[in-house]
Amino acid sequence: IAYEPVWAIGTGLTCPPKVANKVHKAIRARLASMYGGATADGMRILYGGSVTPPTIDALMAQPDVDGVLVGGASLNAESFGAIANFHEGW
């Protein structure tokens, strides 16, 4: 499942990481109520919405953000490489 705020599409704006996490947590809770906790915990929920090298670490540090969808930043090899190599160990 992917979450991308409508207001972030094509704007260059990124949702604050804690807000993105809150939405992802709500999506996971909804999945749990519909399909059970094991299914919800096993579901990967991705964030999309102007993911950039300066925002990737903070987004991926959030417990309910399981990955990202990279848009425009994927058109630049240096930017995409920086995103793909985000700091691991959260």
PDB file of N, CA and C in Angstrom:
ATOM      1  N   ILE A   1       0.863  -1.168   0.000  1.00  0.00           N
ATOM      2  CA  ILE A   1       0.000   0.000   0.000  1.00  0.00           C
ATOM      3  C   ILE A   1       0.903   1.221   0.000  1.00  0.00           C
ATOM      4  N   ALA A   2       0.490   2.242  -0.722  1.00  0.00           N
ATOM      5  CA  ALA A   2       1.267   3.488  -0.747  1.00  0.00           C
ATOM      6  C   ALA A   2       0.370   4.648  -0.321  1.00  0.00           C
ATOM      7  N   TYR A   3       0.956   5.557   0.428  1.00  0.00           N
ATOM      8  CA  TYR A   3       0.272   6.783   0.838  1.00  0.00           C
ATOM      9  C   TYR A   3       1.040   7.956   0.271  1.00  0.00           C
ATOM     10  N   GLU A   4       0.348   8.796  -0.469  1.00  0.00           N
ATOM     11  CA  GLU A   4       0.927  10.047  -0.945  1.00  0.00           C
ATOM     12  C   GLU A   4      -0.116  11.137  -0.765  1.00  0.00           C
ATOM     13  N   PRO A   5       0.202  12.163   0.025  1.00  0.00           N
ATOM     14  CA  PRO A   5      -0.759  13.244   0.215  1.00  0.00           C
ATOM     15  C   PRO A   5      -1.056  13.923  -1.126  1.00  0.00           C
ATOM     16  N   VAL A   6      -2.313  14.182  -1.388  1.00  0.00           N
ATOM     17  CA  VAL A   6      -2.702  14.826  -2.642  1.00  0.00           C
ATOM     18  C   VAL A   6      -1.974  16.153  -2.813  1.00  0.00           C
ATOM     19  N   TRP A   7      -1.806  16.886  -1.735  1.00  0.00           N
ATOM     20  CA  TRP A   7      -1.164  18.199  -1.822  1.00  0.00           C
ATOM     21  C   TRP A   7       0.331  18.110  -2.117  1.00  0.00           C
ATOM     22  N   ALA A   8       0.912  16.900  -1.999  1.00  0.00           N
ATOM     23  CA  ALA A   8       2.343  16.743  -2.251  1.00  0.00           C
ATOM     24  C   ALA A   8       2.650  16.403  -3.712  1.00  0.00           C
ATOM     25  N   ILE A   9       1.650  15.992  -4.454  1.00  0.00           N
ATOM     26  CA  ILE A   9       1.865  15.556  -5.837  1.00  0.00           C
ATOM     27  C   ILE A   9       2.334  16.731  -6.684  1.00  0.00           C
ATOM     28  N   GLY A  10       3.534  16.606  -7.196  1.00  0.00           N
ATOM     29  CA  GLY A  10       4.098  17.609  -8.097  1.00  0.00           C
ATOM     30  C   GLY A  10       4.438  18.950  -7.474  1.00  0.00           C
ATOM     31  N   THR A  11       4.425  19.020  -6.136  1.00  0.00           N
ATOM     32  CA  THR A  11       4.654  20.313  -5.478  1.00  0.00           C
ATOM     33  C   THR A  11       6.066  20.470  -4.934  1.00  0.00           C
ATOM     34  N   GLY A  12       6.762  19.365  -4.742  1.00  0.00           N
ATOM     35  CA  GLY A  12       8.075  19.426  -4.108  1.00  0.00           C
ATOM     36  C   GLY A  12       7.987  19.485  -2.587  1.00  0.00           C
ATOM     37  N   LEU A  13       6.776  19.425  -2.052  1.00  0.00           N
ATOM     38  CA  LEU A  13       6.573  19.462  -0.600  1.00  0.00           C
ATOM     39  C   LEU A  13       6.527  18.045  -0.051  1.00  0.00           C
ATOM     40  N   THR A  14       7.135  17.844   1.117  1.00  0.00           N
ATOM     41  CA  THR A  14       7.141  16.542   1.767  1.00  0.00           C
ATOM     42  C   THR A  14       6.346  16.638   3.062  1.00  0.00           C
ATOM     43  N   CYS A  15       5.555  15.630   3.319  1.00  0.00           N
ATOM     44  CA  CYS A  15       4.806  15.552   4.573  1.00  0.00           C
ATOM     45  C   CYS A  15       5.801  15.452   5.731  1.00  0.00           C
ATOM     46  N   PRO A  16       5.581  16.176   6.813  1.00  0.00           N
ATOM     47  CA  PRO A  16       6.473  16.002   7.965  1.00  0.00           C
ATOM     48  C   PRO A  16       6.509  14.525   8.377  1.00  0.00           C
ATOM     49  N   PRO A  17       7.677  13.980   8.651  1.00  0.00           N
ATOM     50  CA  PRO A  17       7.797  12.553   8.944  1.00  0.00           C
ATOM     51  C   PRO A  17       6.858  12.037  10.029  1.00  0.00           C
ATOM     52  N   LYS A  18       6.683  12.774  11.106  1.00  0.00           N
ATOM     53  CA  LYS A  18       5.791  12.305  12.175  1.00  0.00           C
ATOM     54  C   LYS A  18       4.338  12.271  11.725  1.00  0.00           C
ATOM     55  N   VAL A  19       3.963  13.181  10.840  1.00  0.00           N
ATOM     56  CA  VAL A  19       2.598  13.172  10.293  1.00  0.00           C
ATOM     57  C   VAL A  19       2.431  11.979   9.359  1.00  0.00           C
ATOM     58  N   ALA A  20       3.422  11.740   8.511  1.00  0.00           N
ATOM     59  CA  ALA A  20       3.379  10.576   7.619  1.00  0.00           C
ATOM     60  C   ALA A  20       3.250   9.300   8.445  1.00  0.00           C
ATOM     61  N   ASN A  21       4.019   9.198   9.519  1.00  0.00           N
ATOM     62  CA  ASN A  21       3.941   8.019  10.367  1.00  0.00           C
ATOM     63  C   ASN A  21       2.556   7.861  10.978  1.00  0.00           C
ATOM     64  N   LYS A  22       1.959   8.967  11.401  1.00  0.00           N
ATOM     65  CA  LYS A  22       0.611   8.918  11.993  1.00  0.00           C
ATOM     66  C   LYS A  22      -0.403   8.369  10.989  1.00  0.00           C
ATOM     67  N   VAL A  23      -0.298   8.800   9.742  1.00  0.00           N
ATOM     68  CA  VAL A  23      -1.203   8.313   8.702  1.00  0.00           C
ATOM     69  C   VAL A  23      -0.935   6.832   8.427  1.00  0.00           C
ATOM     70  N   HIS A  24       0.328   6.459   8.336  1.00  0.00           N
ATOM     71  CA  HIS A  24       0.666   5.050   8.101  1.00  0.00           C
ATOM     72  C   HIS A  24       0.154   4.182   9.251  1.00  0.00           C
ATOM     73  N   LYS A  25       0.277   4.681  10.471  1.00  0.00           N
ATOM     74  CA  LYS A  25      -0.212   3.930  11.633  1.00  0.00           C
ATOM     75  C   LYS A  25      -1.729   3.756  11.559  1.00  0.00           C
ATOM     76  N   ALA A  26      -2.443   4.799  11.118  1.00  0.00           N
ATOM     77  CA  ALA A  26      -3.899   4.707  10.967  1.00  0.00           C
ATOM     78  C   ALA A  26      -4.271   3.706   9.868  1.00  0.00           C
ATOM     79  N   ILE A  27      -3.515   3.705   8.787  1.00  0.00           N
ATOM     80  CA  ILE A  27      -3.764   2.732   7.714  1.00  0.00           C
ATOM     81  C   ILE A  27      -3.550   1.315   8.246  1.00  0.00           C
ATOM     82  N   ARG A  28      -2.465   1.130   8.999  1.00  0.00           N
ATOM     83  CA  ARG A  28      -2.177  -0.192   9.558  1.00  0.00           C
ATOM     84  C   ARG A  28      -3.271  -0.614  10.539  1.00  0.00           C
ATOM     85  N   ALA A  29      -3.779   0.308  11.345  1.00  0.00           N
ATOM     86  CA  ALA A  29      -4.857  -0.013  12.291  1.00  0.00           C
ATOM     87  C   ALA A  29      -6.129  -0.405  11.549  1.00  0.00           C
ATOM     88  N   ARG A  30      -6.406   0.281  10.468  1.00  0.00           N
ATOM     89  CA  ARG A  30      -7.589  -0.055   9.659  1.00  0.00           C
ATOM     90  C   ARG A  30      -7.438  -1.442   9.056  1.00  0.00           C
ATOM     91  N   LEU A  31      -6.253  -1.743   8.549  1.00  0.00           N
ATOM     92  CA  LEU A  31      -6.000  -3.075   8.009  1.00  0.00           C
ATOM     93  C   LEU A  31      -6.183  -4.137   9.088  1.00  0.00           C
ATOM     94  N   ALA A  32      -5.706  -3.850  10.308  1.00  0.00           N
ATOM     95  CA  ALA A  32      -5.842  -4.794  11.420  1.00  0.00           C
ATOM     96  C   ALA A  32      -7.309  -5.039  11.746  1.00  0.00           C
ATOM     97  N   SER A  33      -8.118  -3.987  11.723  1.00  0.00           N
ATOM     98  CA  SER A  33      -9.535  -4.156  12.045  1.00  0.00           C
ATOM     99  C   SER A  33     -10.270  -4.953  10.960  1.00  0.00           C
ATOM    100  N   MET A  34      -9.767  -4.878   9.745  1.00  0.00           N
ATOM    101  CA  MET A  34     -10.423  -5.575   8.638  1.00  0.00           C
ATOM    102  C   MET A  34      -9.891  -6.995   8.431  1.00  0.00           C
ATOM    103  N   TYR A  35      -8.576  -7.196   8.620  1.00  0.00           N
ATOM    104  CA  TYR A  35      -7.959  -8.462   8.240  1.00  0.00           C
ATOM    105  C   TYR A  35      -7.145  -9.135   9.343  1.00  0.00           C
ATOM    106  N   GLY A  36      -7.055  -8.475  10.511  1.00  0.00           N
ATOM    107  CA  GLY A  36      -6.314  -9.050  11.625  1.00  0.00           C
ATOM    108  C   GLY A  36      -4.915  -8.456  11.745  1.00  0.00           C
ATOM    109  N   GLY A  37      -4.386  -8.537  12.950  1.00  0.00           N
ATOM    110  CA  GLY A  37      -3.095  -7.936  13.259  1.00  0.00           C
ATOM    111  C   GLY A  37      -1.928  -8.520  12.482  1.00  0.00           C
ATOM    112  N   ALA A  38      -1.929  -9.831  12.277  1.00  0.00           N
ATOM    113  CA  ALA A  38      -0.816 -10.454  11.564  1.00  0.00           C
ATOM    114  C   ALA A  38      -0.738  -9.952  10.128  1.00  0.00           C
ATOM    115  N   THR A  39      -1.885  -9.817   9.500  1.00  0.00           N
ATOM    116  CA  THR A  39      -1.905  -9.308   8.124  1.00  0.00           C
ATOM    117  C   THR A  39      -1.455  -7.858   8.098  1.00  0.00           C
ATOM    118  N   ALA A  40      -1.953  -7.058   9.026  1.00  0.00           N
ATOM    119  CA  ALA A  40      -1.577  -5.636   9.073  1.00  0.00           C
ATOM    120  C   ALA A  40      -0.082  -5.478   9.326  1.00  0.00           C
ATOM    121  N   ASP A  41       0.457  -6.275  10.223  1.00  0.00           N
ATOM    122  CA  ASP A  41       1.882  -6.187  10.527  1.00  0.00           C
ATOM    123  C   ASP A  41       2.744  -6.641   9.353  1.00  0.00           C
ATOM    124  N   GLY A  42       2.220  -7.544   8.550  1.00  0.00           N
ATOM    125  CA  GLY A  42       2.956  -8.042   7.402  1.00  0.00           C
ATOM    126  C   GLY A  42       2.859  -7.164   6.171  1.00  0.00           C
ATOM    127  N   MET A  43       1.943  -6.210   6.188  1.00  0.00           N
ATOM    128  CA  MET A  43       1.740  -5.325   5.045  1.00  0.00           C
ATOM    129  C   MET A  43       2.808  -4.241   5.022  1.00  0.00           C
ATOM    130  N   ARG A  44       3.390  -3.986   3.893  1.00  0.00           N
ATOM    131  CA  ARG A  44       4.357  -2.901   3.718  1.00  0.00           C
ATOM    132  C   ARG A  44       3.593  -1.662   3.273  1.00  0.00           C
ATOM    133  N   ILE A  45       3.782  -0.572   3.999  1.00  0.00           N
ATOM    134  CA  ILE A  45       3.131   0.692   3.676  1.00  0.00           C
ATOM    135  C   ILE A  45       4.228   1.688   3.303  1.00  0.00           C
ATOM    136  N   LEU A  46       4.143   2.186   2.079  1.00  0.00           N
ATOM    137  CA  LEU A  46       5.168   3.067   1.531  1.00  0.00           C
ATOM    138  C   LEU A  46       4.690   4.510   1.522  1.00  0.00           C
ATOM    139  N   TYR A  47       5.643   5.425   1.676  1.00  0.00           N
ATOM    140  CA  TYR A  47       5.341   6.851   1.589  1.00  0.00           C
ATOM    141  C   TYR A  47       5.810   7.367   0.236  1.00  0.00           C
ATOM    142  N   GLY A  48       4.972   8.133  -0.412  1.00  0.00           N
ATOM    143  CA  GLY A  48       5.337   8.813  -1.653  1.00  0.00           C
ATOM    144  C   GLY A  48       4.968  10.276  -1.496  1.00  0.00           C
ATOM    145  N   GLY A  49       5.735  11.147  -2.028  1.00  0.00           N
ATOM    146  CA  GLY A  49       5.410  12.568  -1.907  1.00  0.00           C
ATOM    147  C   GLY A  49       6.654  13.396  -1.754  1.00  0.00           C
ATOM    148  N   SER A  50       7.350  13.608  -2.861  1.00  0.00           N
ATOM    149  CA  SER A  50       8.547  14.445  -2.876  1.00  0.00           C
ATOM    150  C   SER A  50       9.627  13.917  -1.935  1.00  0.00           C
ATOM    151  N   VAL A  51       9.908  12.639  -2.050  1.00  0.00           N
ATOM    152  CA  VAL A  51      11.001  12.031  -1.289  1.00  0.00           C
ATOM    153  C   VAL A  51      12.312  12.511  -1.919  1.00  0.00           C
ATOM    154  N   THR A  52      13.198  13.042  -1.089  1.00  0.00           N
ATOM    155  CA  THR A  52      14.464  13.599  -1.565  1.00  0.00           C
ATOM    156  C   THR A  52      15.602  13.147  -0.652  1.00  0.00           C
ATOM    157  N   PRO A  53      16.849  13.342  -1.088  1.00  0.00           N
ATOM    158  CA  PRO A  53      17.967  12.992  -0.199  1.00  0.00           C
ATOM    159  C   PRO A  53      17.889  13.665   1.185  1.00  0.00           C
ATOM    160  N   PRO A  54      17.482  14.938   1.281  1.00  0.00           N
ATOM    161  CA  PRO A  54      17.406  15.543   2.611  1.00  0.00           C
ATOM    162  C   PRO A  54      16.270  15.004   3.492  1.00  0.00           C
ATOM    163  N   THR A  55      15.256  14.334   2.902  1.00  0.00           N
ATOM    164  CA  THR A  55      14.110  13.877   3.703  1.00  0.00           C
ATOM    165  C   THR A  55      14.098  12.378   3.973  1.00  0.00           C
ATOM    166  N   ILE A  56      14.912  11.605   3.251  1.00  0.00           N
ATOM    167  CA  ILE A  56      14.810  10.140   3.335  1.00  0.00           C
ATOM    168  C   ILE A  56      15.117   9.591   4.727  1.00  0.00           C
ATOM    169  N   ASP A  57      16.165  10.061   5.382  1.00  0.00           N
ATOM    170  CA  ASP A  57      16.525   9.499   6.694  1.00  0.00           C
ATOM    171  C   ASP A  57      15.417   9.688   7.715  1.00  0.00           C
ATOM    172  N   ALA A  58      14.839  10.884   7.764  1.00  0.00           N
ATOM    173  CA  ALA A  58      13.784  11.158   8.746  1.00  0.00           C
ATOM    174  C   ALA A  58      12.519  10.355   8.438  1.00  0.00           C
ATOM    175  N   LEU A  59      12.200  10.187   7.163  1.00  0.00           N
ATOM    176  CA  LEU A  59      11.024   9.387   6.801  1.00  0.00           C
ATOM    177  C   LEU A  59      11.228   7.926   7.182  1.00  0.00           C
ATOM    178  N   MET A  60      12.398   7.386   6.829  1.00  0.00           N
ATOM    179  CA  MET A  60      12.640   5.969   7.086  1.00  0.00           C
ATOM    180  C   MET A  60      12.881   5.678   8.568  1.00  0.00           C
ATOM    181  N   ALA A  61      13.104   6.699   9.372  1.00  0.00           N
ATOM    182  CA  ALA A  61      13.258   6.506  10.813  1.00  0.00           C
ATOM    183  C   ALA A  61      11.914   6.273  11.499  1.00  0.00           C
ATOM    184  N   GLN A  62      10.824   6.517  10.799  1.00  0.00           N
ATOM    185  CA  GLN A  62       9.497   6.368  11.388  1.00  0.00           C
ATOM    186  C   GLN A  62       9.106   4.892  11.431  1.00  0.00           C
ATOM    187  N   PRO A  63       8.569   4.426  12.541  1.00  0.00           N
ATOM    188  CA  PRO A  63       8.304   2.993  12.703  1.00  0.00           C
ATOM    189  C   PRO A  63       7.261   2.411  11.751  1.00  0.00           C
ATOM    190  N   ASP A  64       6.321   3.209  11.292  1.00  0.00           N
ATOM    191  CA  ASP A  64       5.289   2.671  10.405  1.00  0.00           C
ATOM    192  C   ASP A  64       5.513   3.008   8.937  1.00  0.00           C
ATOM    193  N   VAL A  65       6.612   3.665   8.611  1.00  0.00           N
ATOM    194  CA  VAL A  65       6.971   3.919   7.212  1.00  0.00           C
ATOM    195  C   VAL A  65       7.925   2.801   6.800  1.00  0.00           C
ATOM    196  N   ASP A  66       7.438   1.917   5.925  1.00  0.00           N
ATOM    197  CA  ASP A  66       8.210   0.728   5.558  1.00  0.00           C
ATOM    198  C   ASP A  66       9.070   0.915   4.322  1.00  0.00           C
ATOM    199  N   GLY A  67       8.866   1.994   3.610  1.00  0.00           N
ATOM    200  CA  GLY A  67       9.621   2.260   2.391  1.00  0.00           C
ATOM    201  C   GLY A  67       9.077   3.510   1.737  1.00  0.00           C
ATOM    202  N   VAL A  68       9.638   3.851   0.589  1.00  0.00           N
ATOM    203  CA  VAL A  68       9.201   5.065  -0.100  1.00  0.00           C
ATOM    204  C   VAL A  68       9.010   4.792  -1.590  1.00  0.00           C
ATOM    205  N   LEU A  69       8.201   5.624  -2.202  1.00  0.00           N
ATOM    206  CA  LEU A  69       8.057   5.672  -3.654  1.00  0.00           C
ATOM    207  C   LEU A  69       8.778   6.935  -4.087  1.00  0.00           C
ATOM    208  N   VAL A  70       9.748   6.788  -4.941  1.00  0.00           N
ATOM    209  CA  VAL A  70      10.543   7.939  -5.376  1.00  0.00           C
ATOM    210  C   VAL A  70      10.017   8.413  -6.721  1.00  0.00           C
ATOM    211  N   GLY A  71       9.685   9.693  -6.796  1.00  0.00           N
ATOM    212  CA  GLY A  71       9.188  10.277  -8.036  1.00  0.00           C
ATOM    213  C   GLY A  71      10.285  10.977  -8.796  1.00  0.00           C
ATOM    214  N   GLY A  72      10.187  12.292  -8.845  1.00  0.00           N
ATOM    215  CA  GLY A  72      11.101  13.110  -9.630  1.00  0.00           C
ATOM    216  C   GLY A  72      12.560  12.941  -9.262  1.00  0.00           C
ATOM    217  N   ALA A  73      12.856  12.644  -8.014  1.00  0.00           N
ATOM    218  CA  ALA A  73      14.252  12.476  -7.600  1.00  0.00           C
ATOM    219  C   ALA A  73      14.892  11.268  -8.273  1.00  0.00           C
ATOM    220  N   SER A  74      14.076  10.361  -8.805  1.00  0.00           N
ATOM    221  CA  SER A  74      14.633   9.190  -9.485  1.00  0.00           C
ATOM    222  C   SER A  74      15.171   9.533 -10.870  1.00  0.00           C
ATOM    223  N   LEU A  75      14.871  10.724 -11.351  1.00  0.00           N
ATOM    224  CA  LEU A  75      15.347  11.145 -12.665  1.00  0.00           C
ATOM    225  C   LEU A  75      16.791  11.631 -12.628  1.00  0.00           C
ATOM    226  N   ASN A  76      17.318  11.836 -11.438  1.00  0.00           N
ATOM    227  CA  ASN A  76      18.695  12.280 -11.263  1.00  0.00           C
ATOM    228  C   ASN A  76      19.451  11.167 -10.545  1.00  0.00           C
ATOM    229  N   ALA A  77      20.463  10.599 -11.218  1.00  0.00           N
ATOM    230  CA  ALA A  77      21.175   9.440 -10.660  1.00  0.00           C
ATOM    231  C   ALA A  77      21.790   9.730  -9.295  1.00  0.00           C
ATOM    232  N   GLU A  78      22.346  10.912  -9.114  1.00  0.00           N
ATOM    233  CA  GLU A  78      22.970  11.251  -7.834  1.00  0.00           C
ATOM    234  C   GLU A  78      21.925  11.308  -6.723  1.00  0.00           C
ATOM    235  N   SER A  79      20.796  11.947  -6.990  1.00  0.00           N
ATOM    236  CA  SER A  79      19.726  12.028  -5.989  1.00  0.00           C
ATOM    237  C   SER A  79      19.159  10.649  -5.673  1.00  0.00           C
ATOM    238  N   PHE A  80      18.894   9.888  -6.723  1.00  0.00           N
ATOM    239  CA  PHE A  80      18.323   8.559  -6.514  1.00  0.00           C
ATOM    240  C   PHE A  80      19.294   7.673  -5.733  1.00  0.00           C
ATOM    241  N   GLY A  81      20.586   7.764  -6.059  1.00  0.00           N
ATOM    242  CA  GLY A  81      21.586   6.994  -5.336  1.00  0.00           C
ATOM    243  C   GLY A  81      21.629   7.347  -3.867  1.00  0.00           C
ATOM    244  N   ALA A  82      21.516   8.635  -3.563  1.00  0.00           N
ATOM    245  CA  ALA A  82      21.517   9.079  -2.157  1.00  0.00           C
ATOM    246  C   ALA A  82      20.291   8.535  -1.415  1.00  0.00           C
ATOM    247  N   ILE A  83      19.172   8.499  -2.102  1.00  0.00           N
ATOM    248  CA  ILE A  83      17.946   7.964  -1.473  1.00  0.00           C
ATOM    249  C   ILE A  83      18.073   6.456  -1.274  1.00  0.00           C
ATOM    250  N   ALA A  84      18.551   5.769  -2.296  1.00  0.00           N
ATOM    251  CA  ALA A  84      18.691   4.319  -2.222  1.00  0.00           C
ATOM    252  C   ALA A  84      19.695   3.903  -1.148  1.00  0.00           C
ATOM    253  N   ASN A  85      20.631   4.752  -0.829  1.00  0.00           N
ATOM    254  CA  ASN A  85      21.651   4.451   0.168  1.00  0.00           C
ATOM    255  C   ASN A  85      21.405   5.176   1.484  1.00  0.00           C
ATOM    256  N   PHE A  86      20.153   5.399   1.842  1.00  0.00           N
ATOM    257  CA  PHE A  86      19.847   6.105   3.073  1.00  0.00           C
ATOM    258  C   PHE A  86      20.529   5.422   4.253  1.00  0.00           C
ATOM    259  N   HIS A  87      20.705   6.164   5.323  1.00  0.00           N
ATOM    260  CA  HIS A  87      21.375   5.645   6.522  1.00  0.00           C
ATOM    261  C   HIS A  87      20.576   4.484   7.102  1.00  0.00           C
ATOM    262  N   GLU A  88      21.192   3.326   7.134  1.00  0.00           N
ATOM    263  CA  GLU A  88      20.529   2.157   7.709  1.00  0.00           C
ATOM    264  C   GLU A  88      20.869   2.048   9.180  1.00  0.00           C
ATOM    265  N   GLY A  89      20.097   1.281   9.879  1.00  0.00           N
ATOM    266  CA  GLY A  89      20.354   1.052  11.289  1.00  0.00           C
ATOM    267  C   GLY A  89      19.323   1.694  12.188  1.00  0.00           C
ATOM    268  N   TRP A  90      18.223   2.169  11.593  1.00  0.00           N
ATOM    269  CA  TRP A  90      17.171   2.740  12.436  1.00  0.00           C
ATOM    270  C   TRP A  90      16.587   1.598  13.184  1.00  0.00           C
TER     271      TRP A  90
END
